[in-house]
Amino acid sequence: MTRIHAISGLDIAALPATLKARYFQLTDRMEIHGPNLREPHTKAFGEGLFELRLKGAEGIARVFYCTRIGRRIVMLHGFVEKSQKPPARELKLARQRQKEIENADA
């Protein structure tokens, strides 16, 4: 079974209700079936970074994650989306956190 970890600062509780419910539905599936749920649920951004795509009545949210050895999924950064493409600052923050996780595991 896959284990999911959220890093400090990732506030899933702050998401609107339908987005939060969708997050838990998809992460439950990830725990059982692994991290690759495929589009439209997940998307690869290269270099080991992925996004979990959440749609609900209140809009769209994205949660960036990476995978680690030992069937671990680490949720790095989440935000409510306002455009089709994730803002550069959101992607940059996710990549920074990914590097921190990789360095801690080294």
Protein backbone atom coordinates (compact mmCIF):
# COMPACT_ATOMS: atom_id res chain seq x y z
CA MET A 1 0.00 0.00 0.00
CA THR A 2 1.19 3.50 -0.82
CA ARG A 3 1.57 6.06 1.96
CA ILE A 4 0.75 9.73 1.46
CA HIS A 5 2.52 12.47 3.40
CA ALA A 6 1.74 16.19 3.31
CA ILE A 7 4.55 18.58 4.12
CA SER A 8 4.16 21.36 6.63
CA GLY A 9 2.42 24.37 5.15
CA LEU A 10 0.08 22.38 2.89
CA ASP A 11 -3.35 23.33 4.23
CA ILE A 12 -5.91 20.97 2.71
CA ALA A 13 -8.43 21.99 5.38
CA ALA A 14 -8.49 25.49 3.84
CA LEU A 15 -9.82 24.18 0.52
CA PRO A 16 -13.52 24.69 -0.28
CA ALA A 17 -15.70 21.69 0.67
CA THR A 18 -16.11 20.02 -2.75
CA LEU A 19 -12.41 20.42 -3.57
CA LYS A 20 -11.42 18.99 -0.20
CA ALA A 21 -13.77 16.02 -0.75
CA ARG A 22 -12.26 15.43 -4.19
CA TYR A 23 -8.75 15.59 -2.72
CA PHE A 24 -9.59 12.84 -0.24
CA GLN A 25 -11.30 10.71 -2.91
CA LEU A 26 -8.26 10.87 -5.19
CA THR A 27 -5.67 10.39 -2.45
CA ASP A 28 -7.59 7.34 -1.21
CA ARG A 29 -7.33 5.92 -4.74
CA MET A 30 -3.62 6.76 -4.83
CA GLU A 31 -3.04 4.87 -1.58
CA ILE A 32 -4.60 1.76 -3.09
CA HIS A 33 -3.51 1.95 -6.74
CA GLY A 34 -0.37 4.08 -6.60
CA PRO A 35 0.39 7.62 -7.75
CA ASN A 36 -0.35 7.35 -11.47
CA LEU A 37 -4.09 7.94 -11.80
CA ARG A 38 -3.54 9.43 -15.29
CA GLU A 39 -5.25 12.41 -16.83
CA PRO A 40 -7.59 14.05 -16.07
CA HIS A 41 -6.77 13.29 -12.41
CA THR A 42 -2.99 13.69 -12.50
CA LYS A 43 -0.44 15.26 -14.82
CA ALA A 44 3.34 14.91 -15.00
CA PHE A 45 5.45 18.09 -14.98
CA GLY A 46 8.79 16.34 -15.53
CA GLU A 47 11.74 15.66 -13.24
CA GLY A 48 9.54 13.66 -10.85
CA LEU A 49 6.98 16.41 -10.20
CA PHE A 50 3.27 15.72 -10.69
CA GLU A 51 0.02 17.53 -10.04
CA LEU A 52 -3.21 16.21 -8.62
CA ARG A 53 -6.08 17.95 -10.40
CA LEU A 54 -9.16 18.70 -8.31
CA LYS A 55 -12.49 19.90 -9.73
CA GLY A 56 -15.49 20.83 -7.64
CA ALA A 57 -18.47 23.18 -7.51
CA GLU A 58 -16.26 25.95 -6.12
CA GLY A 59 -13.72 25.74 -8.93
CA ILE A 60 -10.42 24.00 -9.58
CA ALA A 61 -7.45 23.33 -7.31
CA ARG A 62 -4.08 21.75 -7.91
CA VAL A 63 -1.79 19.92 -5.51
CA PHE A 64 1.79 19.25 -6.60
CA TYR A 65 3.40 16.03 -5.39
CA CYS A 66 6.42 13.81 -5.89
CA THR A 67 7.05 10.15 -5.25
CA ARG A 68 9.79 8.72 -3.07
CA ILE A 69 11.31 5.30 -2.51
CA GLY A 70 9.22 2.98 -0.36
CA ARG A 71 5.88 3.72 -2.04
CA ARG A 72 5.65 7.20 -0.55
CA ILE A 73 3.81 10.11 -2.13
CA VAL A 74 4.69 13.54 -0.76
CA MET A 75 2.18 16.34 -1.27
CA LEU A 76 4.26 19.48 -1.73
CA HIS A 77 2.05 22.48 -2.48
CA GLY A 78 -1.59 23.18 -3.24
CA PHE A 79 -3.53 26.16 -4.51
CA VAL A 80 -6.90 27.13 -5.96
CA GLU A 81 -6.44 27.69 -9.66
CA LYS A 82 -7.55 30.82 -11.46
CA SER A 83 -6.19 30.03 -14.94
CA GLN A 84 -5.50 27.02 -17.18
CA LYS A 85 -1.76 27.05 -16.58
CA PRO A 86 -0.31 27.00 -13.05
CA PRO A 87 1.34 30.32 -12.16
CA ALA A 88 5.14 30.26 -12.33
CA ARG A 89 5.46 31.10 -8.61
CA GLU A 90 3.32 28.08 -7.63
CA LEU A 91 5.40 25.76 -9.81
CA LYS A 92 8.63 27.28 -8.47
CA LEU A 93 7.53 26.74 -4.86
CA ALA A 94 6.60 23.11 -5.59
CA ARG A 95 10.00 22.49 -7.21
CA GLN A 96 11.79 24.08 -4.22
CA ARG A 97 9.92 21.81 -1.83
CA GLN A 98 10.64 18.80 -4.05
CA LYS A 99 14.37 19.58 -3.89
CA GLU A 100 14.17 19.90 -0.08
CA ILE A 101 12.54 16.45 0.13
CA GLU A 102 15.13 14.94 -2.22
CA ASN A 103 18.00 16.47 -0.21
CA ALA A 104 16.51 15.22 3.07
CA ASP A 105 16.24 11.69 1.64
CA ALA A 106 19.83 11.70 0.31
